[in-house]
């Protein structure tokens, strides 16, 4: 995922959270959680990509 796509995903997540906090509707909560999970997964992928790889000992 490109940086622009990630930024757009975070914006969509924040928008979904705002909608939920205003409405307290169960379906809005599900959308917000779905976006949060997508953002968390992308952050996990980016953290693993930045982690240095261990060189083989043999």
PDB file of N, CA and C in Angstrom:
ATOM      1  N   UNK A   1       0.852  -1.169   0.000  1.00  0.00           N
ATOM      2  CA  UNK A   1       0.000   0.000   0.000  1.00  0.00           C
ATOM      3  C   UNK A   1       0.899   1.234   0.000  1.00  0.00           C
ATOM      4  N   UNK A   2       0.574   2.175  -0.851  1.00  0.00           N
ATOM      5  CA  UNK A   2       1.371   3.405  -0.929  1.00  0.00           C
ATOM      6  C   UNK A   2       1.046   4.321   0.256  1.00  0.00           C
ATOM      7  N   UNK A   3       1.899   5.311   0.445  1.00  0.00           N
ATOM      8  CA  UNK A   3       1.678   6.263   1.537  1.00  0.00           C
ATOM      9  C   UNK A   3       0.368   7.018   1.349  1.00  0.00           C
ATOM     10  N   UNK A   4       0.056   7.398   0.114  1.00  0.00           N
ATOM     11  CA  UNK A   4      -1.182   8.129  -0.146  1.00  0.00           C
ATOM     12  C   UNK A   4      -2.398   7.263   0.180  1.00  0.00           C
ATOM     13  N   UNK A   5      -2.347   5.998  -0.203  1.00  0.00           N
ATOM     14  CA  UNK A   5      -3.454   5.089   0.109  1.00  0.00           C
ATOM     15  C   UNK A   5      -3.608   4.918   1.614  1.00  0.00           C
ATOM     16  N   UNK A   6      -2.470   4.866   2.324  1.00  0.00           N
ATOM     17  CA  UNK A   6      -2.517   4.732   3.774  1.00  0.00           C
ATOM     18  C   UNK A   6      -3.134   5.971   4.420  1.00  0.00           C
ATOM     19  N   UNK A   7      -2.737   7.132   3.947  1.00  0.00           N
ATOM     20  CA  UNK A   7      -3.304   8.382   4.479  1.00  0.00           C
ATOM     21  C   UNK A   7      -4.809   8.428   4.223  1.00  0.00           C
ATOM     22  N   UNK A   8      -5.227   8.022   3.036  1.00  0.00           N
ATOM     23  CA  UNK A   8      -6.659   7.990   2.722  1.00  0.00           C
ATOM     24  C   UNK A   8      -7.399   7.006   3.624  1.00  0.00           C
ATOM     25  N   UNK A   9      -6.763   5.874   3.921  1.00  0.00           N
ATOM     26  CA  UNK A   9      -7.370   4.881   4.809  1.00  0.00           C
ATOM     27  C   UNK A   9      -7.533   5.441   6.219  1.00  0.00           C
ATOM     28  N   UNK A  10      -6.524   6.138   6.708  1.00  0.00           N
ATOM     29  CA  UNK A  10      -6.602   6.736   8.049  1.00  0.00           C
ATOM     30  C   UNK A  10      -7.687   7.810   8.089  1.00  0.00           C
ATOM     31  N   UNK A  11      -7.785   8.603   7.034  1.00  0.00           N
ATOM     32  CA  UNK A  11      -8.846   9.622   6.981  1.00  0.00           C
ATOM     33  C   UNK A  11     -10.226   8.971   7.007  1.00  0.00           C
ATOM     34  N   UNK A  12     -10.386   7.885   6.258  1.00  0.00           N
ATOM     35  CA  UNK A  12     -11.666   7.175   6.243  1.00  0.00           C
ATOM     36  C   UNK A  12     -11.967   6.596   7.622  1.00  0.00           C
ATOM     37  N   UNK A  13     -10.939   6.094   8.305  1.00  0.00           N
ATOM     38  CA  UNK A  13     -11.126   5.559   9.652  1.00  0.00           C
ATOM     39  C   UNK A  13     -11.592   6.654  10.608  1.00  0.00           C
ATOM     40  N   UNK A  14     -10.929   7.799  10.562  1.00  0.00           N
ATOM     41  CA  UNK A  14     -11.305   8.905  11.457  1.00  0.00           C
ATOM     42  C   UNK A  14     -12.719   9.387  11.154  1.00  0.00           C
ATOM     43  N   UNK A  15     -13.095   9.414   9.889  1.00  0.00           N
ATOM     44  CA  UNK A  15     -14.446   9.808   9.510  1.00  0.00           C
ATOM     45  C   UNK A  15     -15.463   8.804  10.062  1.00  0.00           C
ATOM     46  N   UNK A  16     -15.169   7.510   9.931  1.00  0.00           N
ATOM     47  CA  UNK A  16     -16.070   6.477  10.445  1.00  0.00           C
ATOM     48  C   UNK A  16     -16.185   6.569  11.966  1.00  0.00           C
ATOM     49  N   UNK A  17     -15.081   6.869  12.643  1.00  0.00           N
ATOM     50  CA  UNK A  17     -15.124   7.028  14.094  1.00  0.00           C
ATOM     51  C   UNK A  17     -15.982   8.228  14.487  1.00  0.00           C
ATOM     52  N   UNK A  18     -15.837   9.324  13.764  1.00  0.00           N
ATOM     53  CA  UNK A  18     -16.631  10.522  14.050  1.00  0.00           C
ATOM     54  C   UNK A  18     -18.115  10.239  13.869  1.00  0.00           C
ATOM     55  N   UNK A  19     -18.448   9.542  12.800  1.00  0.00           N
ATOM     56  CA  UNK A  19     -19.853   9.195  12.554  1.00  0.00           C
ATOM     57  C   UNK A  19     -20.381   8.329  13.688  1.00  0.00           C
ATOM     58  N   UNK A  20     -19.584   7.352  14.122  1.00  0.00           N
ATOM     59  CA  UNK A  20     -20.040   6.490  15.218  1.00  0.00           C
ATOM     60  C   UNK A  20     -20.234   7.286  16.507  1.00  0.00           C
ATOM     61  N   UNK A  21     -19.277   8.141  16.854  1.00  0.00           N
ATOM     62  CA  UNK A  21     -19.378   8.883  18.112  1.00  0.00           C
ATOM     63  C   UNK A  21     -20.576   9.827  18.122  1.00  0.00           C
ATOM     64  N   UNK A  22     -20.995  10.262  16.950  1.00  0.00           N
ATOM     65  CA  UNK A  22     -22.188  11.114  16.878  1.00  0.00           C
ATOM     66  C   UNK A  22     -23.474  10.308  16.966  1.00  0.00           C
ATOM     67  N   UNK A  23     -23.483   9.123  16.354  1.00  0.00           N
ATOM     68  CA  UNK A  23     -24.734   8.363  16.247  1.00  0.00           C
ATOM     69  C   UNK A  23     -24.876   7.272  17.302  1.00  0.00           C
ATOM     70  N   UNK A  24     -23.759   6.698  17.755  1.00  0.00           N
ATOM     71  CA  UNK A  24     -23.751   5.543  18.667  1.00  0.00           C
ATOM     72  C   UNK A  24     -24.538   4.371  18.087  1.00  0.00           C
ATOM     73  N   UNK A  25     -24.535   4.277  16.762  1.00  0.00           N
ATOM     74  CA  UNK A  25     -25.248   3.222  16.059  1.00  0.00           C
ATOM     75  C   UNK A  25     -24.325   2.009  15.917  1.00  0.00           C
ATOM     76  N   UNK A  26     -24.885   0.806  16.124  1.00  0.00           N
ATOM     77  CA  UNK A  26     -24.089  -0.415  16.081  1.00  0.00           C
ATOM     78  C   UNK A  26     -23.429  -0.620  14.712  1.00  0.00           C
ATOM     79  N   UNK A  27     -24.158  -0.369  13.640  1.00  0.00           N
ATOM     80  CA  UNK A  27     -23.579  -0.572  12.305  1.00  0.00           C
ATOM     81  C   UNK A  27     -22.437   0.416  12.044  1.00  0.00           C
ATOM     82  N   UNK A  28     -22.551   1.630  12.554  1.00  0.00           N
ATOM     83  CA  UNK A  28     -21.458   2.600  12.412  1.00  0.00           C
ATOM     84  C   UNK A  28     -20.226   2.147  13.199  1.00  0.00           C
ATOM     85  N   UNK A  29     -20.450   1.524  14.341  1.00  0.00           N
ATOM     86  CA  UNK A  29     -19.338   0.988  15.126  1.00  0.00           C
ATOM     87  C   UNK A  29     -18.616  -0.115  14.354  1.00  0.00           C
ATOM     88  N   UNK A  30     -19.369  -0.967  13.680  1.00  0.00           N
ATOM     89  CA  UNK A  30     -18.760  -2.045  12.894  1.00  0.00           C
ATOM     90  C   UNK A  30     -17.881  -1.481  11.783  1.00  0.00           C
ATOM     91  N   UNK A  31     -18.353  -0.435  11.105  1.00  0.00           N
ATOM     92  CA  UNK A  31     -17.540   0.200  10.058  1.00  0.00           C
ATOM     93  C   UNK A  31     -16.263   0.806  10.651  1.00  0.00           C
ATOM     94  N   UNK A  32     -16.393   1.474  11.788  1.00  0.00           N
ATOM     95  CA  UNK A  32     -15.226   2.092  12.422  1.00  0.00           C
ATOM     96  C   UNK A  32     -14.212   1.026  12.834  1.00  0.00           C
ATOM     97  N   UNK A  33     -14.687  -0.062  13.404  1.00  0.00           N
ATOM     98  CA  UNK A  33     -13.783  -1.143  13.808  1.00  0.00           C
ATOM     99  C   UNK A  33     -13.105  -1.784  12.605  1.00  0.00           C
ATOM    100  N   UNK A  34     -13.838  -1.924  11.514  1.00  0.00           N
ATOM    101  CA  UNK A  34     -13.258  -2.499  10.301  1.00  0.00           C
ATOM    102  C   UNK A  34     -12.109  -1.627   9.796  1.00  0.00           C
ATOM    103  N   UNK A  35     -12.315  -0.323   9.765  1.00  0.00           N
ATOM    104  CA  UNK A  35     -11.240   0.582   9.341  1.00  0.00           C
ATOM    105  C   UNK A  35     -10.063   0.530  10.314  1.00  0.00           C
ATOM    106  N   UNK A  36     -10.349   0.465  11.617  1.00  0.00           N
ATOM    107  CA  UNK A  36      -9.276   0.384  12.604  1.00  0.00           C
ATOM    108  C   UNK A  36      -8.443  -0.876  12.396  1.00  0.00           C
ATOM    109  N   UNK A  37      -9.103  -1.982  12.090  1.00  0.00           N
ATOM    110  CA  UNK A  37      -8.387  -3.228  11.852  1.00  0.00           C
ATOM    111  C   UNK A  37      -7.507  -3.125  10.605  1.00  0.00           C
ATOM    112  N   UNK A  38      -8.015  -2.494   9.560  1.00  0.00           N
ATOM    113  CA  UNK A  38      -7.219  -2.311   8.339  1.00  0.00           C
ATOM    114  C   UNK A  38      -5.985  -1.453   8.610  1.00  0.00           C
ATOM    115  N   UNK A  39      -6.170  -0.373   9.372  1.00  0.00           N
ATOM    116  CA  UNK A  39      -5.041   0.504   9.703  1.00  0.00           C
ATOM    117  C   UNK A  39      -4.030  -0.253  10.564  1.00  0.00           C
ATOM    118  N   UNK A  40      -4.500  -0.992  11.557  1.00  0.00           N
ATOM    119  CA  UNK A  40      -3.596  -1.767  12.408  1.00  0.00           C
ATOM    120  C   UNK A  40      -2.800  -2.785  11.597  1.00  0.00           C
ATOM    121  N   UNK A  41      -3.458  -3.454  10.661  1.00  0.00           N
ATOM    122  CA  UNK A  41      -2.761  -4.429   9.823  1.00  0.00           C
ATOM    123  C   UNK A  41      -1.682  -3.762   8.978  1.00  0.00           C
ATOM    124  N   UNK A  42      -1.996  -2.618   8.409  1.00  0.00           N
ATOM    125  CA  UNK A  42      -1.009  -1.907   7.590  1.00  0.00           C
ATOM    126  C   UNK A  42       0.160  -1.430   8.450  1.00  0.00           C
ATOM    127  N   UNK A  43      -0.114  -0.952   9.658  1.00  0.00           N
ATOM    128  CA  UNK A  43       0.964  -0.536  10.557  1.00  0.00           C
ATOM    129  C   UNK A  43       1.854  -1.721  10.917  1.00  0.00           C
ATOM    130  N   UNK A  44       1.254  -2.879  11.138  1.00  0.00           N
ATOM    131  CA  UNK A  44       2.017  -4.084  11.448  1.00  0.00           C
ATOM    132  C   UNK A  44       2.921  -4.465  10.265  1.00  0.00           C
ATOM    133  N   UNK A  45       2.377  -4.394   9.054  1.00  0.00           N
ATOM    134  CA  UNK A  45       3.159  -4.712   7.856  1.00  0.00           C
ATOM    135  C   UNK A  45       4.328  -3.745   7.713  1.00  0.00           C
ATOM    136  N   UNK A  46       4.073  -2.470   7.929  1.00  0.00           N
ATOM    137  CA  UNK A  46       5.138  -1.468   7.797  1.00  0.00           C
ATOM    138  C   UNK A  46       6.197  -1.636   8.883  1.00  0.00           C
ATOM    139  N   UNK A  47       5.790  -2.006  10.094  1.00  0.00           N
ATOM    140  CA  UNK A  47       6.755  -2.217  11.175  1.00  0.00           C
ATOM    141  C   UNK A  47       7.646  -3.420  10.875  1.00  0.00           C
ATOM    142  N   UNK A  48       7.069  -4.474  10.323  1.00  0.00           N
ATOM    143  CA  UNK A  48       7.862  -5.656   9.980  1.00  0.00           C
ATOM    144  C   UNK A  48       8.824  -5.360   8.838  1.00  0.00           C
ATOM    145  N   UNK A  49       8.420  -4.529   7.909  1.00  0.00           N
ATOM    146  CA  UNK A  49       9.290  -4.182   6.785  1.00  0.00           C
ATOM    147  C   UNK A  49      10.477  -3.338   7.243  1.00  0.00           C
ATOM    148  N   UNK A  50      10.284  -2.533   8.280  1.00  0.00           N
ATOM    149  CA  UNK A  50      11.360  -1.678   8.784  1.00  0.00           C
ATOM    150  C   UNK A  50      12.316  -2.418   9.711  1.00  0.00           C
ATOM    151  N   UNK A  51      11.883  -3.557  10.238  1.00  0.00           N
ATOM    152  CA  UNK A  51      12.704  -4.312  11.174  1.00  0.00           C
ATOM    153  C   UNK A  51      13.895  -4.920  10.424  1.00  0.00           C
ATOM    154  N   UNK A  52      15.090  -4.801  10.975  1.00  0.00           N
ATOM    155  CA  UNK A  52      16.247  -5.388  10.291  1.00  0.00           C
ATOM    156  C   UNK A  52      16.135  -6.915  10.273  1.00  0.00           C
ATOM    157  N   UNK A  53      16.561  -7.483   9.167  1.00  0.00           N
ATOM    158  CA  UNK A  53      16.524  -8.936   9.013  1.00  0.00           C
ATOM    159  C   UNK A  53      17.780  -9.537   9.640  1.00  0.00           C
ATOM    160  N   UNK A  54      17.597 -10.666  10.313  1.00  0.00           N
ATOM    161  CA  UNK A  54      18.739 -11.344  10.909  1.00  0.00           C
ATOM    162  C   UNK A  54      19.474 -12.123   9.823  1.00  0.00           C
ATOM    163  N   UNK A  55      20.758 -11.966   9.792  1.00  0.00           N
ATOM    164  CA  UNK A  55      21.567 -12.686   8.812  1.00  0.00           C
ATOM    165  C   UNK A  55      21.679 -14.148   9.222  1.00  0.00           C
ATOM    166  N   UNK A  56      21.818 -15.006   8.248  1.00  0.00           N
ATOM    167  CA  UNK A  56      21.974 -16.433   8.528  1.00  0.00           C
ATOM    168  C   UNK A  56      23.319 -16.678   9.207  1.00  0.00           C
ATOM    169  N   UNK A  57      23.322 -17.557  10.173  1.00  0.00           N
ATOM    170  CA  UNK A  57      24.555 -17.871  10.888  1.00  0.00           C
ATOM    171  C   UNK A  57      25.428 -18.853  10.117  1.00  0.00           C
ATOM    172  N   UNK A  58      24.806 -19.594   9.255  1.00  0.00           N
ATOM    173  CA  UNK A  58      25.566 -20.605   8.505  1.00  0.00           C
ATOM    174  C   UNK A  58      25.556 -20.268   7.036  1.00  0.00           C
TER     175      UNK A  58
END
